[in-house]
C-alpha cells in the first residue's frame, strides 16, 4: 500500500510540473494573442485559444511522461484521441469547479481572493489528477488487472 501511495505521489508531482508548464504556455500565448504589441486580439478569444493550446501541451506531456505506461494497452491514434477528448472534458469541468469553489470561498466564506484561488487550484488539481488517472489513461482492463493484483493485506 505504501509503495502504491509513493508511486501515486510521484505521478501527482509530475502532473503538477506539467500543469506549471501549461500555465507558462497559456501566459505566453495569451500575451502574443492579446498584447497590442503583437496581434491585439479580443481577450476572451485569446484566453480560449491560449487555454486550449495549454491543454494540448499538458496532454502531450502527461501522455509521454506523467502517465507513461498506463495507456500502453491503448496504443494508436483512435485511443490517443479518446484520451485527449477525456482530458479536455476533465480540464473543462475542472475550470468550472475552480470558478465555483473560488466564488463560494470569496463571497460566502469571505476568504481572501488569493488564498481562495490557491485553495481552488490545489483542490481542482488533485481532482483533475485523480479523474485523469482513473478515466483518461487507465483502460478498463488495466483497472481490473491492477485491482486483482493488489494484495488484500495492504
Protein backbone atom coordinates (compact mmCIF):
# COMPACT_ATOMS: atom_id res chain seq x y z
CA UNK A 1 0.00 0.00 0.00
CA UNK A 2 2.83 2.42 0.88
CA UNK A 3 4.56 1.71 -2.44
CA UNK A 4 1.34 2.42 -4.34
CA UNK A 5 0.92 5.74 -2.49
CA UNK A 6 4.55 6.66 -3.25
CA UNK A 7 4.02 5.97 -6.97
CA UNK A 8 0.80 7.99 -6.97
CA UNK A 9 2.51 10.92 -5.21
CA UNK A 10 5.34 10.79 -7.75
CA UNK A 11 2.80 10.87 -10.61
CA UNK A 12 0.94 13.74 -8.94
CA UNK A 13 4.16 15.76 -8.67
CA UNK A 14 4.81 15.13 -12.37
CA UNK A 15 1.20 16.16 -13.12
CA UNK A 16 1.75 19.43 -11.23
CA UNK A 17 5.03 20.10 -13.07
CA UNK A 18 3.24 19.57 -16.37
CA UNK A 19 0.47 21.88 -15.16
CA UNK A 20 3.10 24.53 -14.41
CA UNK A 21 4.46 24.23 -17.95
CA UNK A 22 0.90 24.57 -19.24
CA UNK A 23 0.45 27.74 -17.22
CA UNK A 24 3.59 29.20 -18.84
CA UNK A 25 2.34 28.19 -22.31
CA UNK A 26 -1.03 29.78 -21.53
CA UNK A 27 0.55 33.04 -20.29
CA UNK A 28 2.95 33.31 -23.24
CA UNK A 29 0.22 32.52 -25.79
CA UNK A 30 -2.25 34.99 -24.31
CA UNK A 31 0.48 37.64 -24.34
CA UNK A 32 1.16 37.01 -28.04
CA UNK A 33 -2.51 36.96 -28.99
CA UNK A 34 -3.86 39.80 -26.83
CA UNK A 35 -0.99 42.25 -26.46
CA UNK A 36 -1.33 45.34 -28.70
CA UNK A 37 2.40 44.95 -29.41
CA UNK A 38 1.62 41.66 -31.20
CA UNK A 39 -1.82 40.59 -32.51
CA UNK A 40 -4.07 42.67 -30.23
CA UNK A 41 -6.96 40.20 -30.31
CA UNK A 42 -10.01 40.19 -28.05
CA UNK A 43 -9.18 38.98 -24.50
CA UNK A 44 -11.86 36.27 -24.38
CA UNK A 45 -10.90 34.81 -27.74
CA UNK A 46 -7.22 34.99 -26.84
CA UNK A 47 -7.83 33.26 -23.49
CA UNK A 48 -9.87 30.44 -25.06
CA UNK A 49 -7.16 29.77 -27.65
CA UNK A 50 -4.37 30.05 -25.06
CA UNK A 51 -6.16 27.66 -22.70
CA UNK A 52 -6.67 25.08 -25.45
CA UNK A 53 -3.02 25.30 -26.54
CA UNK A 54 -2.02 24.79 -22.88
CA UNK A 55 -4.37 21.80 -22.65
CA UNK A 56 -2.75 20.26 -25.74
CA UNK A 57 0.70 20.88 -24.20
CA UNK A 58 -0.39 19.30 -20.93
CA UNK A 59 -1.95 16.31 -22.65
CA UNK A 60 1.19 15.56 -24.66
CA UNK A 61 3.48 15.78 -21.61
CA UNK A 62 1.10 13.80 -19.42
CA UNK A 63 0.79 11.15 -22.11
CA UNK A 64 4.54 10.72 -22.62
CA UNK A 65 5.76 11.38 -19.07
CA UNK A 66 3.26 11.53 -16.19
CA UNK A 67 1.07 8.59 -17.18
CA UNK A 68 3.61 6.77 -19.35
CA UNK A 69 2.90 3.05 -19.32
CA UNK A 70 -0.68 3.34 -18.11
CA UNK A 71 -2.03 3.77 -21.62
CA UNK A 72 0.22 1.04 -23.06
CA UNK A 73 -2.78 -1.15 -23.86
CA UNK A 74 -4.40 1.82 -25.63
CA UNK A 75 -1.99 2.45 -28.50
CA UNK A 76 -2.98 4.06 -31.77
CA UNK A 77 -4.40 7.37 -32.86
CA UNK A 78 -8.01 6.47 -32.06
CA UNK A 79 -7.16 5.60 -28.44
CA UNK A 80 -4.91 8.66 -28.06
CA UNK A 81 -7.73 10.81 -29.47
CA UNK A 82 -10.15 9.31 -26.95
CA UNK A 83 -7.69 10.05 -24.11
CA UNK A 84 -7.32 13.62 -25.39
CA UNK A 85 -11.10 14.09 -25.52
CA UNK A 86 -11.43 12.80 -21.94
CA UNK A 87 -8.54 15.01 -20.80
CA UNK A 88 -10.15 18.05 -22.44
CA UNK A 89 -13.52 17.35 -20.78
CA UNK A 90 -11.93 16.79 -17.38
CA UNK A 91 -9.98 20.07 -17.72
CA UNK A 92 -13.15 21.94 -18.74
CA UNK A 93 -15.03 20.51 -15.77
CA UNK A 94 -12.04 21.47 -13.59
CA UNK A 95 -12.26 25.07 -14.76
CA UNK A 96 -15.97 25.18 -13.91
CA UNK A 97 -15.30 23.59 -10.50
CA UNK A 98 -12.46 26.04 -9.84
CA UNK A 99 -14.65 29.07 -10.58
CA UNK A 100 -17.42 27.68 -8.37
CA UNK A 101 -15.02 26.99 -5.48
CA UNK A 102 -13.43 30.42 -5.85
CA UNK A 103 -16.77 32.22 -5.74
CA UNK A 104 -18.04 30.24 -2.74
CA UNK A 105 -14.85 30.90 -0.79
CA UNK A 106 -14.75 34.62 -1.60
CA UNK A 107 -18.44 35.56 -1.48
CA UNK A 108 -19.82 33.06 1.05
CA UNK A 109 -16.85 32.29 3.31
CA UNK A 110 -15.27 35.75 2.83
CA UNK A 111 -11.76 34.39 2.29
CA UNK A 112 -9.03 36.47 0.72
CA UNK A 113 -9.28 36.12 -3.06
CA UNK A 114 -5.69 34.94 -3.47
CA UNK A 115 -5.90 32.39 -0.67
CA UNK A 116 -9.21 31.18 -2.09
CA UNK A 117 -7.70 30.92 -5.57
CA UNK A 118 -4.75 28.92 -4.20
CA UNK A 119 -7.09 26.53 -2.36
CA UNK A 120 -9.20 26.13 -5.51
CA UNK A 121 -6.14 25.38 -7.63
CA UNK A 122 -4.88 22.73 -5.19
CA UNK A 123 -8.28 21.04 -4.89
CA UNK A 124 -9.01 21.09 -8.62
CA UNK A 125 -5.50 19.94 -9.45
CA UNK A 126 -5.95 16.87 -7.23
CA UNK A 127 -9.43 16.28 -8.70
CA UNK A 128 -8.11 16.58 -12.28
CA UNK A 129 -5.24 14.21 -11.49
CA UNK A 130 -7.46 11.54 -9.95
CA UNK A 131 -10.03 11.70 -12.76
CA UNK A 132 -7.34 11.55 -15.44
CA UNK A 133 -5.62 8.67 -13.66
CA UNK A 134 -8.90 6.77 -13.38
CA UNK A 135 -10.59 7.56 -16.69
CA UNK A 136 -8.06 9.15 -19.01
CA UNK A 137 -5.12 6.80 -19.12
CA UNK A 138 -6.25 3.62 -17.42
CA UNK A 139 -8.14 1.28 -19.68
CA UNK A 140 -10.89 -0.82 -18.07
CA UNK A 141 -8.61 -3.87 -18.48
CA UNK A 142 -5.75 -2.09 -16.68
CA UNK A 143 -8.04 -1.04 -13.82
CA UNK A 144 -9.36 -4.61 -13.45
CA UNK A 145 -5.86 -6.16 -13.60
CA UNK A 146 -4.48 -3.68 -11.03
CA UNK A 147 -7.35 -4.31 -8.59
CA UNK A 148 -6.77 -8.06 -8.88
CA UNK A 149 -3.00 -7.66 -8.29
CA UNK A 150 -3.41 -5.58 -5.12
CA UNK A 151 -2.94 -7.85 -2.08
CA UNK A 152 -5.80 -7.84 0.41
CA UNK A 153 -3.39 -7.40 3.33
CA UNK A 154 -2.25 -3.88 2.27
